[in-house]
Amino acid sequence: MNVVAIYLRISQDREKTGEGVERQKNECLQRVHEGEQVKFYEDNDKSASKNVRRPEYERLKLDVERGKVQRVLAWSLDRLTRKPRDIEDWIDLSQKTGVKLTTVRENFDVTNEAGRANLRFVATMAAMEVERKSERQKAANRQRIAKGKPISGRRPYGYEDDQIRLRPDESQWIAFATAEVIAGKSLVSIARRLNSEGARTSTGKLWSTTQLRTMLLRERNCGRLLSLGQIHEVSQIEAAVTGEDFELCKSILTNPDRNTRRGPAAEKSWLTGILKCGVCGSPMYVKNITGKHYKSRNYICDSKPSGRGKSGDRHPSISCQIAEAGLVDFLADLYTEGLRRLPAAAADNESRLRSVLQEQRENWKQRSDLTEDLTIAGVDKKFLRGKIETLKNDFDSLESERLALVAGGASRDILLDLFDFTKIKTTVPRDFLAEIEKAVERFRQAFDELPSDQKRTIVSGTVRIAVDLGWGSRRIRFELLEPDRWWLGFDEPTEGAH
């Protein structure tokens, strides 16, 4: 029995309804001969002129080569291919296997020279029409760009179908997520918040960290028009965030030192990558240790996962429970020491954070203005580039300070919610230590209930932690990052081993 392969394709089906290929199928079925067995090959929403892989088209050619198909039927030749070089492949296949090429719209016979010439002519005209369409589209795109309008395409999140006007119920989340990144929140926690609030992507799906990061790095968020890697001066796009906030968010998300390590242990083992090996300084990560009669979850040195290097040098490992409990004890001791000074220190912290953000915004604006000045004829470009580089270095320094202040702000908010400072300050002396003890216990409980990303923000902005060889928590070394001006503002904080 002869097999007729019906190939169906449509270039663009944004609604994914398949109505276009269904119309082709109905007309092709009317051309099936009596006694032929029908096999369908369908590539919906696939272009034949671009370098896009068409799985069913490739399967069709393979079946023809293996002699499984005696006739190929398509609605028109350009449904099968728009490339003259592909036509030559089909002519070769026809001569090699005897397969017949037929379409609903055209009539040609590849068994003779005239038929093959006709087929090549039809393919050449189809290719020429593709090139003409491409040129028309490019001209239309250039015209839109000149008017400050983006190129037509899928609706971007936060914007209406015209890609210019903001969609309020979505753009509010762009502003929210941008502010959260600047405040030091992780993409995981932001995506979780958006999903819990019912916010969905422009295609109606749940947010992932990858999608969220891509969305937050779009130049259009601050009203810029980006095309072919170039930002254009004229733009009609409405801004969801300010240019300064966008640049701050972008600098954070593209920082190569940003911790994006992922894994199943991240939620429970929140010191992953923060703990350092006291022997070689490498980060320590989590590993499940299983023995005959026990199971243990340990932080181990990343450079020597077996615990012993080739030279025989030993590297430490420590129980997750011991390391995390030791850190909480260290933080609790610090809070005990500086509790009475916290309200004033917290106010200074918040004031300085606002100042740093303002300095970063002004820094970005100065760099932007100087960059534009580079296009002016006759200016001293070497001098301007030097100033731009100096401003960039200043920005990086401010960013380091901002991250430290953000870490302080996270812990300060917890304490201000839980500690009754007025009660502590007005309590009689003999009850003072009891009140301090109660406050620290509330801190321990609140810290334990924090999400992992907030714990990591507090710890990484506060202290360096190294684990030496030995036993128990005594081998954990703590070193404050800025002992002369750290995030709680204590005058002489305790350092060293805990």
Protein backbone atom coordinates (compact mmCIF):
# COMPACT_ATOMS: atom_id res chain seq x y z
CA MET A 1 0.00 0.00 0.00
CA ASN A 2 1.30 3.41 -0.97
CA VAL A 3 1.80 5.93 1.82
CA VAL A 4 1.07 9.63 1.26
CA ALA A 5 2.73 11.99 3.73
CA ILE A 6 0.72 15.16 4.31
CA TYR A 7 2.96 17.94 5.61
CA LEU A 8 1.23 20.79 7.44
CA ARG A 9 2.87 24.04 8.59
CA ILE A 10 2.01 27.59 9.53
CA SER A 11 4.65 30.21 10.34
CA GLN A 12 2.91 32.00 13.18
CA ASP A 13 0.19 30.80 15.51
CA ARG A 14 0.36 33.05 18.58
CA GLU A 15 -2.91 31.78 20.01
CA LYS A 16 -1.80 28.14 19.56
CA THR A 17 -5.25 27.24 18.18
CA GLY A 18 -3.96 25.22 15.21
CA GLU A 19 -6.77 26.55 13.01
CA GLY A 20 -4.36 27.33 10.13
CA VAL A 21 -2.97 23.82 9.85
CA GLU A 22 -6.50 22.41 10.24
CA ARG A 23 -7.61 24.28 7.11
CA GLN A 24 -4.59 22.94 5.23
CA LYS A 25 -5.38 19.39 6.40
CA ASN A 26 -8.96 19.53 5.13
CA GLU A 27 -7.90 20.64 1.64
CA CYS A 28 -5.05 18.14 1.46
CA LEU A 29 -7.33 15.23 2.41
CA GLN A 30 -9.43 16.02 -0.65
CA ARG A 31 -6.37 15.23 -2.82
CA VAL A 32 -5.68 11.81 -1.30
CA HIS A 33 -6.05 9.00 -3.85
CA GLU A 34 -8.11 5.91 -3.22
CA GLY A 35 -6.11 3.17 -1.56
CA GLU A 36 -3.44 5.50 -0.15
CA GLN A 37 -2.55 5.36 3.54
CA VAL A 38 -2.23 8.83 5.11
CA LYS A 39 0.52 9.92 7.54
CA PHE A 40 0.52 13.43 8.98
CA TYR A 41 3.59 15.57 9.73
CA GLU A 42 2.71 18.85 11.46
CA ASP A 43 4.97 21.80 12.38
CA ASN A 44 2.66 24.43 13.83
CA ASP A 45 4.04 27.92 14.52
CA LYS A 46 7.34 27.14 12.71
CA SER A 47 9.02 29.33 10.08
CA ALA A 48 10.41 27.75 6.91
CA SER A 49 12.59 30.73 5.96
CA LYS A 50 14.50 31.20 9.24
CA ASN A 51 17.02 28.83 10.78
CA VAL A 52 14.38 27.26 13.00
CA ARG A 53 14.41 23.54 13.64
CA ARG A 54 11.31 21.77 12.32
CA PRO A 55 11.15 18.33 13.96
CA GLU A 56 8.34 16.93 11.81
CA TYR A 57 9.94 18.21 8.59
CA GLU A 58 13.15 16.39 9.53
CA ARG A 59 11.20 13.23 10.36
CA LEU A 60 9.45 13.45 6.97
CA LYS A 61 12.75 13.61 5.08
CA LEU A 62 14.11 10.69 7.09
CA ASP A 63 11.03 8.57 6.31
CA VAL A 64 11.36 9.41 2.61
CA GLU A 65 15.02 8.36 2.62
CA ARG A 66 14.05 5.05 4.26
CA GLY A 67 11.40 4.38 1.61
CA LYS A 68 8.47 4.61 4.04
CA VAL A 69 6.71 7.31 1.97
CA GLN A 70 5.76 7.13 -1.72
CA ARG A 71 4.16 10.59 -2.09
CA VAL A 72 4.54 13.92 -0.29
CA LEU A 73 1.53 16.24 -0.27
CA ALA A 74 1.49 19.84 1.03
CA TRP A 75 -0.98 22.70 0.66
CA SER A 76 1.65 24.70 -1.25
CA LEU A 77 5.36 24.45 -1.91
CA ASP A 78 6.18 27.29 0.53
CA ARG A 79 4.56 25.21 3.30
CA LEU A 80 7.23 22.59 2.65
CA THR A 81 10.14 25.02 2.24
CA ARG A 82 11.01 28.54 1.13
CA LYS A 83 14.69 27.86 0.46
CA PRO A 84 15.92 27.03 -3.07
CA ARG A 85 18.73 24.87 -1.63
CA ASP A 86 16.10 22.68 0.10
CA ILE A 87 14.33 22.23 -3.24
CA GLU A 88 17.51 20.77 -4.69
CA ASP A 89 17.55 18.27 -1.80
CA TRP A 90 13.97 17.26 -2.59
CA ILE A 91 14.78 16.84 -6.29
CA ASP A 92 17.71 14.60 -5.34
CA LEU A 93 15.46 12.59 -2.98
CA SER A 94 12.85 12.21 -5.71
CA GLN A 95 15.38 10.89 -8.19
CA LYS A 96 16.94 8.59 -5.57
CA THR A 97 13.78 7.12 -3.96
CA GLY A 98 11.09 7.79 -6.58
CA VAL A 99 8.96 9.79 -4.14
CA LYS A 100 6.45 12.15 -5.78
CA LEU A 101 6.15 15.81 -4.71
CA THR A 102 2.63 17.25 -4.99
CA THR A 103 0.79 20.28 -3.64
CA VAL A 104 -2.79 21.51 -3.61
CA ARG A 105 -2.00 24.87 -5.21
CA GLU A 106 0.77 24.04 -7.73
CA ASN A 107 1.15 21.39 -10.40
CA PHE A 108 4.62 20.12 -11.33
CA ASP A 109 6.32 16.87 -12.28
CA VAL A 110 9.89 16.38 -11.05
CA THR A 111 10.45 13.33 -13.22
CA ASN A 112 11.36 15.52 -16.23
CA GLU A 113 13.53 18.58 -16.83
CA ALA A 114 10.62 20.93 -17.46
CA GLY A 115 8.95 19.92 -14.21
CA ARG A 116 12.14 20.36 -12.21
CA ALA A 117 12.74 23.77 -13.81
CA ASN A 118 9.19 24.79 -12.89
CA LEU A 119 9.75 23.62 -9.32
CA ARG A 120 12.97 25.62 -9.04
CA PHE A 121 11.20 28.72 -10.45
CA VAL A 122 8.38 28.45 -7.89
CA ALA A 123 10.94 28.04 -5.08
CA THR A 124 12.95 31.06 -6.31
CA MET A 125 9.81 33.25 -6.40
CA ALA A 126 8.91 32.10 -2.88
CA ALA A 127 12.41 32.99 -1.64
CA MET A 128 12.19 36.39 -3.36
CA GLU A 129 8.85 37.08 -1.66
CA VAL A 130 10.42 36.24 1.70
CA GLU A 131 13.22 38.74 1.06
CA ARG A 132 10.74 41.41 -0.03
CA LYS A 133 8.63 40.82 3.06
CA SER A 134 11.73 41.03 5.22
CA GLU A 135 12.76 44.36 3.69
CA ARG A 136 9.25 45.77 4.15
CA GLN A 137 9.24 44.65 7.77
CA LYS A 138 12.68 46.15 8.42
CA ALA A 139 11.59 49.47 6.90
CA ALA A 140 8.45 49.48 9.06
CA ASN A 141 10.55 48.68 12.14
CA ARG A 142 12.97 51.54 11.39
CA GLN A 143 10.01 53.89 11.07
CA ARG A 144 8.59 52.77 14.43
CA ILE A 145 11.97 53.16 16.14
CA ALA A 146 12.38 56.68 14.71
CA LYS A 147 9.02 57.60 16.29
CA GLY A 148 10.08 56.14 19.64
CA LYS A 149 7.85 53.08 19.36
CA PRO A 150 9.05 49.52 20.03
CA ILE A 151 8.98 46.82 17.36
CA SER A 152 5.76 44.80 17.34
CA GLY A 153 5.84 41.48 19.15
CA ARG A 154 4.53 39.62 22.16
CA ARG A 155 3.12 41.84 24.91
CA PRO A 156 5.80 42.50 27.54
CA TYR A 157 4.91 42.15 31.20
CA GLY A 158 3.68 45.41 32.72
CA TYR A 159 2.57 46.92 29.41
CA GLU A 160 -0.52 46.97 27.20
CA ASP A 161 -0.59 45.36 23.75
CA ASP A 162 0.89 48.51 22.18
CA GLN A 163 4.01 47.91 24.34
CA ILE A 164 3.97 51.63 25.27
CA ARG A 165 1.29 52.23 27.89
CA LEU A 166 1.68 50.75 31.36
CA ARG A 167 -0.76 48.14 32.63
CA PRO A 168 -1.22 49.26 36.27
CA ASP A 169 -2.05 45.85 37.78
CA GLU A 170 1.28 44.51 36.44
CA SER A 171 3.56 47.57 36.44
CA GLN A 172 3.08 47.95 40.21
CA TRP A 173 4.90 44.63 40.63
CA ILE A 174 7.80 45.83 38.47
CA ALA A 175 8.26 48.77 40.84
CA PHE A 176 7.82 46.50 43.87
CA ALA A 177 10.34 43.90 42.69
CA THR A 178 12.89 46.60 41.76
CA ALA A 179 12.62 48.15 45.23
CA GLU A 180 12.95 44.73 46.87
CA VAL A 181 16.17 43.97 44.97
CA ILE A 182 17.62 47.35 46.03
CA ALA A 183 16.61 46.54 49.61
CA GLY A 184 18.67 43.36 49.47
CA LYS A 185 15.93 40.75 49.02
CA SER A 186 16.64 37.60 47.01
CA LEU A 187 14.96 36.78 43.70
CA VAL A 188 13.61 33.59 45.27
CA SER A 189 11.74 35.49 47.98
CA ILE A 190 10.46 38.11 45.51
CA ALA A 191 9.19 35.46 43.08
CA ARG A 192 7.53 33.64 45.97
CA ARG A 193 5.80 36.88 47.04
CA LEU A 194 4.55 37.63 43.50
CA ASN A 195 3.17 34.12 43.09
CA SER A 196 1.48 34.18 46.49
CA GLU A 197 -0.17 37.51 45.63
CA GLY A 198 -1.61 36.05 42.41
CA ALA A 199 0.71 37.99 40.09
CA ARG A 200 1.46 36.02 36.93
CA THR A 201 3.72 36.51 33.90
CA SER A 202 2.33 37.99 30.67
CA THR A 203 1.61 34.42 29.52
CA GLY A 204 -0.25 33.56 32.73
CA LYS A 205 2.46 31.38 34.29
CA LEU A 206 4.03 31.39 37.75
CA TRP A 207 7.18 33.46 38.19
CA SER A 208 10.55 31.73 38.28
CA THR A 209 13.76 33.46 39.35
CA THR A 210 15.06 33.32 35.76
CA GLN A 211 11.95 35.00 34.35
CA LEU A 212 11.97 37.58 37.16
CA ARG A 213 15.63 38.47 36.62
CA THR A 214 15.10 38.84 32.86
CA MET A 215 12.09 41.09 33.45
CA LEU A 216 13.91 43.31 35.94
CA LEU A 217 16.87 43.83 33.57
CA ARG A 218 14.71 45.21 30.71
CA GLU A 219 15.67 48.74 29.70
CA ARG A 220 12.02 49.47 28.96
CA ASN A 221 11.25 49.37 32.70
CA CYS A 222 12.63 52.90 33.00
CA GLY A 223 11.14 54.05 29.68
CA ARG A 224 14.13 53.36 27.43
CA LEU A 225 13.75 52.05 23.88
CA LEU A 226 16.27 49.31 23.11
CA SER A 227 16.67 47.90 19.60
CA LEU A 228 19.51 45.74 18.26
CA GLY A 229 21.53 46.43 21.40
CA GLN A 230 21.26 50.21 21.02
CA ILE A 231 19.32 52.59 23.29
CA HIS A 232 17.54 55.24 21.22
CA GLU A 233 17.11 58.84 22.31
CA VAL A 234 13.43 59.07 21.35
CA SER A 235 11.06 56.82 23.30
CA GLN A 236 7.32 56.86 23.89
CA ILE A 237 7.50 53.98 26.38
CA GLU A 238 6.09 54.83 29.80
CA ALA A 239 8.46 54.20 32.72
CA ALA A 240 7.53 51.85 35.56
CA VAL A 241 10.60 52.85 37.63
CA THR A 242 13.07 55.73 37.60
CA GLY A 243 16.31 55.46 35.65
CA GLU A 244 18.32 55.70 38.86
CA ASP A 245 16.45 52.82 40.53
CA PHE A 246 16.74 50.71 37.39
CA GLU A 247 20.52 51.23 37.28
CA LEU A 248 20.85 50.32 40.96
CA CYS A 249 18.79 47.18 40.46
CA LYS A 250 20.79 46.28 37.35
CA SER A 251 24.14 46.76 39.11
CA ILE A 252 23.01 44.40 41.89
CA LEU A 253 21.66 41.67 39.61
CA THR A 254 24.68 41.74 37.29
CA ASN A 255 27.25 41.84 40.09
CA PRO A 256 29.52 38.81 39.47
CA ASP A 257 30.00 38.44 43.25
CA ARG A 258 26.26 38.05 43.81
CA ASN A 259 25.53 34.66 45.41
CA THR A 260 23.20 32.72 43.11
CA ARG A 261 24.13 29.21 44.18
CA ARG A 262 21.08 26.97 44.10
CA GLY A 263 20.38 23.50 45.45
CA PRO A 264 18.01 21.46 47.58
CA ALA A 265 20.02 22.15 50.74
CA ALA A 266 19.79 25.95 50.52
CA GLU A 267 16.55 26.30 52.52
CA LYS A 268 17.71 24.24 55.52
CA SER A 269 21.44 24.95 55.38
CA TRP A 270 21.55 28.70 55.20
CA LEU A 271 25.29 29.05 55.96
CA THR A 272 26.17 27.33 52.66
CA GLY A 273 28.98 29.27 50.98
CA ILE A 274 29.25 31.72 53.92
CA LEU A 275 31.25 29.39 56.14
CA LYS A 276 34.93 29.28 55.13
CA CYS A 277 37.46 26.52 55.64
CA GLY A 278 39.99 27.57 58.29
CA VAL A 279 42.74 25.62 56.48
CA CYS A 280 42.48 26.86 52.87
CA GLY A 281 39.78 29.58 52.95
CA SER A 282 37.45 27.82 50.48
CA PRO A 283 33.65 28.02 50.94
CA MET A 284 31.96 25.18 52.79
CA TYR A 285 28.90 23.43 51.41
CA VAL A 286 26.47 20.84 52.73
CA LYS A 287 26.86 17.08 52.41
CA ASN A 288 24.78 14.31 53.91
CA ILE A 289 27.02 11.88 55.80
CA THR A 290 25.55 8.40 56.26
CA GLY A 291 27.13 5.71 58.43
CA LYS A 292 26.05 2.29 59.54
CA HIS A 293 24.19 3.55 62.59
CA TYR A 294 23.88 7.31 62.01
CA LYS A 295 23.06 10.09 59.60
CA SER A 296 24.58 13.56 59.76
CA ARG A 297 24.22 16.76 57.77
CA ASN A 298 27.59 18.51 57.67
CA TYR A 299 29.25 21.57 56.18
CA ILE A 300 32.42 20.42 54.39
CA CYS A 301 35.27 22.22 52.59
CA ASP A 302 34.44 22.65 48.89
CA SER A 303 38.06 22.19 47.75
CA LYS A 304 38.60 18.95 49.69
CA PRO A 305 35.20 17.22 49.77
CA SER A 306 36.70 14.00 51.11
CA GLY A 307 38.20 15.82 54.11
CA ARG A 308 41.78 15.04 53.13
CA GLY A 309 43.79 16.42 50.21
CA LYS A 310 46.33 14.66 47.98
CA SER A 311 49.17 15.89 50.16
CA GLY A 312 47.50 14.44 53.23
CA ASP A 313 46.45 17.80 54.70
CA ARG A 314 43.16 17.60 56.59
CA HIS A 315 40.27 20.02 56.09
CA PRO A 316 37.46 20.60 58.57
CA SER A 317 33.83 19.58 58.50
CA ILE A 318 31.20 20.52 61.06
CA SER A 319 27.63 19.55 61.83
CA CYS A 320 25.06 21.98 60.39
CA GLN A 321 23.30 22.08 63.75
CA ILE A 322 26.47 22.97 65.69
CA ALA A 323 27.59 25.66 63.20
CA GLU A 324 24.20 27.36 62.96
CA ALA A 325 23.59 27.24 66.73
CA GLY A 326 27.08 28.66 67.35
CA LEU A 327 26.42 31.60 65.05
CA VAL A 328 23.07 32.40 66.70
CA ASP A 329 24.82 32.34 70.11
CA PHE A 330 27.44 34.77 68.80
CA LEU A 331 24.80 37.18 67.47
CA ALA A 332 22.80 36.92 70.70
CA ASP A 333 25.87 37.91 72.72
CA LEU A 334 26.41 40.93 70.50
CA TYR A 335 22.78 42.02 70.91
CA THR A 336 23.06 41.61 74.66
CA GLU A 337 26.09 43.89 74.71
CA GLY A 338 24.63 46.65 72.56
CA LEU A 339 20.90 46.41 73.15
CA ARG A 340 20.51 49.76 74.92
CA ARG A 341 22.30 51.62 72.12
CA LEU A 342 20.32 50.02 69.30
CA PRO A 343 17.52 52.61 68.74
CA ALA A 344 19.93 55.49 68.07
CA ALA A 345 22.24 53.27 66.00
CA ALA A 346 19.30 52.01 63.93
CA ALA A 347 18.23 55.58 63.14
CA ASP A 348 21.79 56.42 62.03
CA ASN A 349 21.84 53.27 59.87
CA GLU A 350 18.61 54.17 58.08
CA SER A 351 19.67 57.79 57.57
CA ARG A 352 23.00 56.72 56.08
CA LEU A 353 21.29 54.20 53.78
CA ARG A 354 19.11 56.95 52.34
CA SER A 355 22.21 59.11 51.83
CA VAL A 356 24.07 56.28 50.07
CA LEU A 357 21.16 55.63 47.69
CA GLN A 358 20.96 59.33 46.85
CA GLU A 359 24.72 59.47 46.23
CA GLN A 360 24.44 56.44 43.93
CA ARG A 361 21.62 58.08 41.96
CA GLU A 362 23.64 61.29 41.56
CA ASN A 363 26.72 59.25 40.60
CA TRP A 364 24.79 57.41 37.90
CA LYS A 365 23.39 60.69 36.52
CA GLN A 366 26.86 62.27 36.35
CA ARG A 367 28.25 59.22 34.54
CA SER A 368 25.31 59.28 32.12
CA ASP A 369 25.88 62.99 31.34
CA LEU A 370 29.63 62.49 30.86
CA THR A 371 29.01 59.52 28.57
CA GLU A 372 26.76 61.68 26.39
CA ASP A 373 29.46 64.39 26.34
CA LEU A 374 31.84 61.88 24.71
CA THR A 375 29.84 62.25 21.48
CA ILE A 376 30.56 66.00 21.27
CA ALA A 377 33.22 66.89 18.73
CA GLY A 378 36.42 68.44 20.09
CA VAL A 379 36.02 67.39 23.74
CA ASP A 380 38.91 65.92 25.70
CA LYS A 381 37.76 62.29 25.63
CA LYS A 382 40.70 61.02 27.67
CA PHE A 383 39.83 63.45 30.48
CA LEU A 384 36.13 62.49 30.37
CA ARG A 385 36.87 58.77 30.42
CA GLY A 386 39.08 59.29 33.46
CA LYS A 387 36.27 61.05 35.30
CA ILE A 388 33.82 58.32 34.29
CA GLU A 389 36.17 55.64 35.63
CA THR A 390 36.60 57.55 38.90
CA LEU A 391 32.81 57.82 39.28
CA LYS A 392 32.44 54.10 38.59
CA ASN A 393 34.94 53.27 41.33
CA ASP A 394 33.09 55.59 43.71
CA PHE A 395 29.82 53.84 42.80
CA ASP A 396 31.32 50.42 43.59
CA SER A 397 32.47 51.66 46.99
CA LEU A 398 29.00 53.03 47.72
CA GLU A 399 27.50 49.70 46.64
CA SER A 400 29.64 47.82 49.16
CA GLU A 401 28.50 50.17 51.90
CA ARG A 402 24.87 49.90 50.78
CA LEU A 403 24.94 46.10 51.01
CA ALA A 404 26.34 46.28 54.55
CA LEU A 405 23.67 48.80 55.57
CA VAL A 406 20.94 46.68 54.00
CA ALA A 407 22.04 43.71 56.08
CA GLY A 408 21.87 45.88 59.17
CA GLY A 409 18.44 47.18 58.22
CA ALA A 410 17.03 43.66 57.94
CA SER A 411 18.06 42.72 61.47
CA ARG A 412 17.15 46.15 62.85
CA ASP A 413 13.55 45.78 61.58
CA ILE A 414 13.20 42.46 63.38
CA LEU A 415 14.41 43.87 66.67
CA LEU A 416 12.35 47.05 66.50
CA ASP A 417 9.25 44.89 66.05
CA LEU A 418 10.05 42.61 68.98
CA PHE A 419 11.97 44.60 71.60
CA ASP A 420 10.08 46.95 73.90
CA PHE A 421 12.82 49.57 74.22
CA THR A 422 10.70 51.99 76.24
CA LYS A 423 10.01 49.31 78.83
CA ILE A 424 13.68 48.36 79.04
CA LYS A 425 14.83 51.97 79.55
CA THR A 426 12.26 52.70 82.28
CA THR A 427 12.65 49.43 84.17
CA VAL A 428 14.27 49.67 87.60
CA PRO A 429 17.96 48.54 87.71
CA ARG A 430 17.36 45.24 89.51
CA ASP A 431 15.01 44.07 86.72
CA PHE A 432 17.15 45.32 83.86
CA LEU A 433 19.12 42.10 83.26
CA ALA A 434 15.91 40.05 83.29
CA GLU A 435 14.40 42.32 80.63
CA ILE A 436 17.53 42.03 78.51
CA GLU A 437 17.38 38.23 78.77
CA LYS A 438 13.74 38.20 77.64
CA ALA A 439 14.54 40.49 74.72
CA VAL A 440 17.42 38.30 73.54
CA GLU A 441 15.23 35.21 73.76
CA ARG A 442 12.69 36.93 71.53
CA PHE A 443 15.53 37.70 69.12
CA ARG A 444 16.56 34.03 69.03
CA GLN A 445 13.00 32.96 68.26
CA ALA A 446 12.52 35.62 65.58
CA PHE A 447 15.85 34.79 63.92
CA ASP A 448 14.97 31.09 63.85
CA GLU A 449 11.67 31.85 62.06
CA LEU A 450 13.28 34.02 59.38
CA PRO A 451 13.42 32.76 55.75
CA SER A 452 16.86 31.48 54.75
CA ASP A 453 17.56 34.40 52.39
CA GLN A 454 17.04 36.95 55.19
CA LYS A 455 19.30 34.99 57.54
CA ARG A 456 22.00 34.96 54.86
CA THR A 457 21.59 38.71 54.27
CA ILE A 458 22.10 39.47 57.95
CA VAL A 459 25.05 37.13 58.42
CA SER A 460 26.95 37.90 55.19
CA GLY A 461 26.74 41.64 55.89
CA THR A 462 27.89 41.27 59.48
CA VAL A 463 30.59 38.70 60.10
CA ARG A 464 33.18 36.43 58.50
CA ILE A 465 33.04 32.85 59.77
CA ALA A 466 35.80 30.25 59.52
CA VAL A 467 35.89 26.68 60.83
CA ASP A 468 39.17 25.21 62.08
CA LEU A 469 40.09 21.59 62.72
CA GLY A 470 38.87 20.23 66.01
CA TRP A 471 35.60 19.44 67.77
CA GLY A 472 32.43 21.27 68.73
CA SER A 473 31.64 24.98 68.34
CA ARG A 474 34.86 26.31 69.91
CA ARG A 475 36.71 25.92 66.60
CA ILE A 476 34.39 28.43 64.89
CA ARG A 477 36.09 31.81 64.40
CA PHE A 478 33.98 34.97 64.05
CA GLU A 479 35.32 38.27 62.71
CA LEU A 480 33.15 41.37 62.36
CA LEU A 481 33.36 42.93 58.91
CA GLU A 482 33.57 46.55 60.15
CA PRO A 483 34.48 46.52 63.86
CA ASP A 484 34.94 50.30 63.95
CA ARG A 485 31.55 51.07 62.34
CA TRP A 486 29.45 47.95 62.15
CA TRP A 487 25.74 47.66 61.54
CA LEU A 488 24.55 47.85 65.16
CA GLY A 489 26.82 50.75 65.97
CA PHE A 490 28.46 49.29 69.10
CA ASP A 491 31.53 51.17 70.31
CA GLU A 492 33.78 48.20 71.13
CA PRO A 493 32.19 44.98 69.89
CA THR A 494 33.57 41.63 71.00
CA GLU A 495 35.62 39.82 68.34
CA GLY A 496 37.44 36.53 68.10
CA ALA A 497 36.56 32.97 68.93
CA HIS A 498 33.18 32.17 70.38
